Amino acid sequence: MTYPDPVPQSVPQAQPWHGNDVSSRTILPAFLLCFFLGTLGAHRFYVGKIGTAIAMIFTLGGLGVWTLIDLIMLAVGSFKDKEGLPLKQWT
């Protein structure tokens, strides 16, 4: 009796990020906008995420939680712009 392969071969694998594709926007302005005007979504307007920026206005940055998460993501360099490219340069 043969058993089927437990992991199908057609399962797509996550692609690693290649360091060549980075956003033209920098972290410092986004970080400062998030720190001072984060509940209004100013940093999301800066990176081109208009829809979520408007949502942040109506929810006051998720009552601060959404803003705090974005601030941490900016600090560690994992925040992405509208095109999905990470902000990796500070200046």
Protein backbone atom coordinates (compact mmCIF):
# COMPACT_ATOMS: atom_id res chain seq x y z
CA MET A 1 0.00 0.00 0.00
CA THR A 2 1.39 3.40 -0.97
CA TYR A 3 0.58 6.63 0.78
CA PRO A 4 0.23 10.01 -0.93
CA ASP A 5 2.93 12.61 -0.49
CA PRO A 6 1.91 14.71 2.59
CA VAL A 7 3.24 17.92 1.01
CA PRO A 8 2.01 18.50 -2.53
CA GLN A 9 4.67 19.71 -4.92
CA SER A 10 2.45 22.49 -6.28
CA VAL A 11 2.41 24.55 -3.06
CA PRO A 12 3.84 28.01 -3.85
CA GLN A 13 6.76 29.07 -1.72
CA ALA A 14 7.31 32.57 -0.36
CA GLN A 15 9.88 34.48 -2.34
CA PRO A 16 12.70 36.13 -0.40
CA TRP A 17 13.04 39.88 -0.60
CA HIS A 18 15.88 40.97 -2.85
CA GLY A 19 17.68 44.09 -1.64
CA ASN A 20 17.54 45.83 -5.02
CA ASP A 21 13.89 46.82 -4.85
CA VAL A 22 13.45 49.61 -2.30
CA SER A 23 11.11 52.55 -2.10
CA SER A 24 12.26 55.98 -3.23
CA ARG A 25 10.69 57.40 -0.05
CA THR A 26 12.80 57.55 3.08
CA ILE A 27 12.08 56.43 6.63
CA LEU A 28 12.90 59.66 8.50
CA PRO A 29 10.03 61.81 7.16
CA ALA A 30 7.61 58.90 7.48
CA PHE A 31 8.78 58.24 11.06
CA LEU A 32 8.41 61.89 12.07
CA LEU A 33 4.98 62.16 10.44
CA CYS A 34 3.90 58.98 12.22
CA PHE A 35 5.22 60.20 15.57
CA PHE A 36 3.61 63.63 15.45
CA LEU A 37 0.57 63.10 13.17
CA GLY A 38 0.18 59.33 13.22
CA THR A 39 -3.41 59.30 14.41
CA LEU A 40 -4.29 61.34 11.31
CA GLY A 41 -2.46 58.95 8.98
CA ALA A 42 -0.03 61.55 7.67
CA HIS A 43 2.74 58.98 7.19
CA ARG A 44 0.43 56.82 5.09
CA PHE A 45 -0.41 59.79 2.86
CA TYR A 46 3.37 60.27 2.46
CA VAL A 47 3.92 56.71 1.21
CA GLY A 48 0.85 56.78 -1.05
CA LYS A 49 -1.55 54.62 0.95
CA ILE A 50 -4.49 57.02 0.65
CA GLY A 51 -7.27 54.57 1.54
CA THR A 52 -5.74 53.41 4.81
CA ALA A 53 -4.73 56.99 5.64
CA ILE A 54 -8.38 58.06 5.43
CA ALA A 55 -9.34 55.05 7.56
CA MET A 56 -6.80 56.18 10.16
CA ILE A 57 -8.41 59.62 10.25
CA PHE A 58 -11.82 58.15 11.01
CA THR A 59 -10.50 55.75 13.67
CA LEU A 60 -7.87 58.14 15.09
CA GLY A 61 -5.15 55.70 14.18
CA GLY A 62 -7.05 52.75 15.56
CA LEU A 63 -7.18 54.63 18.87
CA GLY A 64 -3.40 54.79 18.77
CA VAL A 65 -2.76 51.06 18.35
CA TRP A 66 -2.46 51.21 14.55
CA THR A 67 -0.17 54.20 14.87
CA LEU A 68 2.06 52.43 17.39
CA ILE A 69 2.36 49.38 15.14
CA ASP A 70 3.28 51.57 12.16
CA LEU A 71 5.85 53.42 14.29
CA ILE A 72 7.50 50.15 15.28
CA MET A 73 7.43 48.89 11.68
CA LEU A 74 9.10 52.11 10.51
CA ALA A 75 11.77 51.87 13.20
CA VAL A 76 12.74 48.31 12.26
CA GLY A 77 12.54 48.96 8.50
CA SER A 78 9.62 46.70 7.57
CA PHE A 79 7.11 49.40 6.56
CA LYS A 80 6.15 49.33 2.86
CA ASP A 81 4.90 51.97 0.45
CA LYS A 82 1.96 51.85 -1.98
CA GLU A 83 3.83 49.63 -4.44
CA GLY A 84 4.80 47.16 -1.71
CA LEU A 85 8.43 48.26 -1.67
CA PRO A 86 10.07 48.55 1.76
CA LEU A 87 11.35 51.85 3.08
CA LYS A 88 14.98 51.01 3.82
CA GLN A 89 16.82 54.35 3.63
CA TRP A 90 16.74 56.77 6.56
CA THR A 91 17.88 59.82 4.58
